[in-house]
Amino acid sequence: MKQYYTVPKDADMLAPKWLTTRINYYSIKFVYHIDDGISKLKGVRIGDQIAKVGDVLMFDGKRISIERR
């Protein structure tokens, strides 16, 4: 069963369980940038690709892939 998740601005707080259980800070992690002293989410890094806010993550039971907007 395929599951889809669109990356919102607050994905670090509202991420689904299948994404949060795979975060190991080496291959999957949240990427932030500082804008006027405020830390904002830039995207989710999966391997060597970054899913920006608005992109869709697809989980097929084994792998997570990125579908661009």
Protein backbone atom coordinates (compact mmCIF):
# COMPACT_ATOMS: atom_id res chain seq x y z
CA MET A 1 0.00 0.00 0.00
CA LYS A 2 1.43 3.38 -1.02
CA GLN A 3 1.19 6.29 1.37
CA TYR A 4 1.65 9.91 0.37
CA TYR A 5 2.63 12.92 2.48
CA THR A 6 2.90 16.52 1.29
CA VAL A 7 5.65 18.34 3.19
CA PRO A 8 4.12 21.36 5.02
CA LYS A 9 5.93 24.24 6.77
CA ASP A 10 5.64 22.43 10.12
CA ALA A 11 6.49 18.90 8.96
CA ASP A 12 8.82 18.35 11.91
CA MET A 13 5.83 18.46 14.27
CA LEU A 14 3.16 16.82 12.10
CA ALA A 15 5.11 14.07 10.33
CA PRO A 16 3.44 10.66 10.00
CA LYS A 17 4.71 7.68 11.97
CA TRP A 18 6.27 5.95 8.94
CA LEU A 19 8.51 9.00 8.43
CA THR A 20 9.43 9.70 12.06
CA THR A 21 10.49 6.10 12.75
CA ARG A 22 13.01 6.25 9.88
CA ILE A 23 14.73 9.50 10.89
CA ASN A 24 18.28 8.58 11.87
CA TYR A 25 20.00 11.93 11.16
CA TYR A 26 22.29 10.36 8.52
CA SER A 27 20.06 9.36 5.62
CA ILE A 28 16.76 11.04 6.59
CA LYS A 29 16.67 14.33 8.47
CA PHE A 30 14.93 17.70 8.63
CA VAL A 31 16.89 20.63 7.15
CA TYR A 32 16.46 24.12 8.60
CA HIS A 33 17.63 27.61 7.64
CA ILE A 34 17.68 30.78 9.73
CA ASP A 35 15.67 33.71 8.38
CA ASP A 36 15.83 36.94 10.43
CA GLY A 37 16.70 35.01 13.59
CA ILE A 38 13.88 32.49 13.17
CA SER A 39 14.62 28.86 12.36
CA LYS A 40 12.39 27.72 9.47
CA LEU A 41 12.05 24.30 7.85
CA LYS A 42 13.73 24.15 4.45
CA GLY A 43 12.83 20.56 3.67
CA VAL A 44 13.39 16.87 4.39
CA ARG A 45 16.65 15.30 3.23
CA ILE A 46 16.37 11.70 2.05
CA GLY A 47 19.72 10.32 1.02
CA ASP A 48 21.27 13.01 -1.17
CA GLN A 49 17.98 14.64 -2.27
CA ILE A 50 15.99 17.33 -0.47
CA ALA A 51 12.18 17.40 -0.55
CA LYS A 52 11.25 21.07 -0.22
CA VAL A 53 8.04 22.41 1.32
CA GLY A 54 5.21 21.45 -1.05
CA ASP A 55 6.86 18.31 -2.45
CA VAL A 56 5.27 14.90 -1.92
CA LEU A 57 6.94 11.97 -0.15
CA MET A 58 5.81 8.49 -1.19
CA PHE A 59 6.28 5.43 1.02
CA ASP A 60 5.67 2.03 -0.56
CA GLY A 61 6.37 -0.15 2.47
CA LYS A 62 10.12 -0.39 1.89
CA ARG A 63 11.44 2.86 0.45
CA ILE A 64 10.68 6.57 0.65
CA SER A 65 10.88 8.52 -2.58
CA ILE A 66 10.33 12.16 -3.53
CA GLU A 67 7.83 13.42 -6.08
CA ARG A 68 8.44 17.02 -7.10
CA ARG A 69 5.64 19.60 -7.25
